[in-house]
C-alpha atoms as a PDB file:
ATOM      1  CA  MET A   1       0.000   0.000   0.000  1.00  0.00           C
ATOM      2  CA  PRO A   2       1.487   3.407  -0.912  1.00  0.00           C
ATOM      3  CA  ARG A   3       2.244   5.886   1.834  1.00  0.00           C
ATOM      4  CA  GLN A   4      -0.571   8.296   2.556  1.00  0.00           C
ATOM      5  CA  PRO A   5       0.378  12.014   2.462  1.00  0.00           C
ATOM      6  CA  GLU A   6      -0.353  12.488   6.174  1.00  0.00           C
ATOM      7  CA  GLU A   7       1.945   9.641   7.208  1.00  0.00           C
ATOM      8  CA  PRO A   8       5.412  10.773   8.320  1.00  0.00           C
ATOM      9  CA  THR A   9       8.520   9.538   6.560  1.00  0.00           C
ATOM     10  CA  PRO A  10      11.317   7.922   8.551  1.00  0.00           C
ATOM     11  CA  GLU A  11      13.262  11.168   8.172  1.00  0.00           C
ATOM     12  CA  GLN A  12      10.392  13.178   9.685  1.00  0.00           C
ATOM     13  CA  VAL A  13      10.241  10.818  12.666  1.00  0.00           C
ATOM     14  CA  LEU A  14      14.019  11.086  13.110  1.00  0.00           C
ATOM     15  CA  ALA A  15      13.813  14.897  12.991  1.00  0.00           C
ATOM     16  CA  GLU A  16      11.473  14.865  16.023  1.00  0.00           C
ATOM     17  CA  MET A  17      13.939  12.874  18.119  1.00  0.00           C
ATOM     18  CA  SER A  18      16.749  14.301  20.269  1.00  0.00           C
ATOM     19  CA  VAL A  19      20.134  12.586  20.628  1.00  0.00           C
ATOM     20  CA  CYS A  20      20.317  10.139  23.568  1.00  0.00           C
ATOM     21  CA  GLU A  21      16.690  10.735  24.604  1.00  0.00           C
ATOM     22  CA  PRO A  22      14.640   7.510  24.732  1.00  0.00           C
ATOM     23  CA  TYR A  23      11.273   7.428  22.963  1.00  0.00           C
ATOM     24  CA  THR A  24       8.438   4.932  22.939  1.00  0.00           C
ATOM     25  CA  VAL A  25       6.164   4.425  19.957  1.00  0.00           C
ATOM     26  CA  GLY A  26       3.311   6.018  21.928  1.00  0.00           C
ATOM     27  CA  GLU A  27       5.281   9.190  22.587  1.00  0.00           C
ATOM     28  CA  LEU A  28       6.002   9.628  18.892  1.00  0.00           C
ATOM     29  CA  VAL A  29       2.396   8.849  17.927  1.00  0.00           C
ATOM     30  CA  ASP A  30       1.392  11.825  20.098  1.00  0.00           C
ATOM     31  CA  ILE A  31       3.617  14.065  17.939  1.00  0.00           C
ATOM     32  CA  PHE A  32       2.174  12.786  14.640  1.00  0.00           C
ATOM     33  CA  ASP A  33      -1.569  13.036  15.205  1.00  0.00           C
ATOM     34  CA  ASP A  34      -2.574  11.517  11.843  1.00  0.00           C
ATOM     35  CA  ALA A  35      -0.224   8.524  12.036  1.00  0.00           C
ATOM     36  CA  SER A  36      -1.099   5.120  13.459  1.00  0.00           C
ATOM     37  CA  ARG A  37       1.022   3.231  15.993  1.00  0.00           C
ATOM     38  CA  TRP A  38       1.763   0.715  13.244  1.00  0.00           C
ATOM     39  CA  THR A  39       3.112   3.435  10.926  1.00  0.00           C
ATOM     40  CA  ILE A  40       5.378   4.898  13.617  1.00  0.00           C
ATOM     41  CA  GLN A  41       6.587   1.417  14.566  1.00  0.00           C
ATOM     42  CA  ARG A  42       7.498   0.688  10.935  1.00  0.00           C
ATOM     43  CA  ARG A  43       9.317   4.022  10.590  1.00  0.00           C
ATOM     44  CA  LEU A  44      11.330   3.328  13.746  1.00  0.00           C
ATOM     45  CA  GLU A  45      12.200  -0.165  12.519  1.00  0.00           C
ATOM     46  CA  THR A  46      13.366   1.299   9.194  1.00  0.00           C
ATOM     47  CA  LEU A  47      15.575   3.798  11.034  1.00  0.00           C
ATOM     48  CA  GLU A  48      16.994   1.013  13.208  1.00  0.00           C
ATOM     49  CA  ASP A  49      17.655  -1.206  10.173  1.00  0.00           C
ATOM     50  CA  ASN A  50      19.524   1.729   8.579  1.00  0.00           C
ATOM     51  CA  GLY A  51      21.659   2.147  11.722  1.00  0.00           C
ATOM     52  CA  GLU A  52      20.346   5.641  12.435  1.00  0.00           C
ATOM     53  CA  ILE A  53      18.774   4.778  15.805  1.00  0.00           C
ATOM     54  CA  SER A  54      19.111   2.091  18.481  1.00  0.00           C
ATOM     55  CA  LYS A  55      16.443  -0.015  20.164  1.00  0.00           C
ATOM     56  CA  LYS A  56      16.176  -1.646  23.564  1.00  0.00           C
ATOM     57  CA  LYS A  57      13.467  -4.062  24.662  1.00  0.00           C
ATOM     58  CA  HIS A  58      12.740  -3.572  28.380  1.00  0.00           C
ATOM     59  CA  ALA A  59       9.774  -5.910  28.756  1.00  0.00           C
ATOM     60  CA  GLU A  60       7.451  -7.823  26.474  1.00  0.00           C
ATOM     61  CA  ASN A  61       5.505  -4.707  25.473  1.00  0.00           C
ATOM     62  CA  ARG A  62       8.014  -1.986  26.372  1.00  0.00           C
ATOM     63  CA  VAL A  63      10.592  -0.886  23.804  1.00  0.00           C
ATOM     64  CA  THR A  64      12.505   2.377  23.585  1.00  0.00           C
ATOM     65  CA  PHE A  65      14.306   3.908  20.634  1.00  0.00           C
ATOM     66  CA  TRP A  66      16.987   6.613  20.661  1.00  0.00           C
ATOM     67  CA  ILE A  67      19.634   8.316  18.549  1.00  0.00           C
ATOM     68  CA  PRO A  68      23.041   7.219  19.850  1.00  0.00           C
ATOM     69  CA  ALA A  69      25.613   9.911  20.644  1.00  0.00           C
END
């Protein structure tokens, strides 16, 4: 399915993040009102796959993402 215009790109998600500050999917969904949790999750996974951010799983349903220093 093609990206809808209101969905953020991975670069837009990255631009909202600060270096070394941990973010959950829910926190970033609050920034992008029109985006679904699934969209933000996919964007974060793309950024992680590209080596632009790191991920840590704290519990079964608790994951944080951040830009390494």
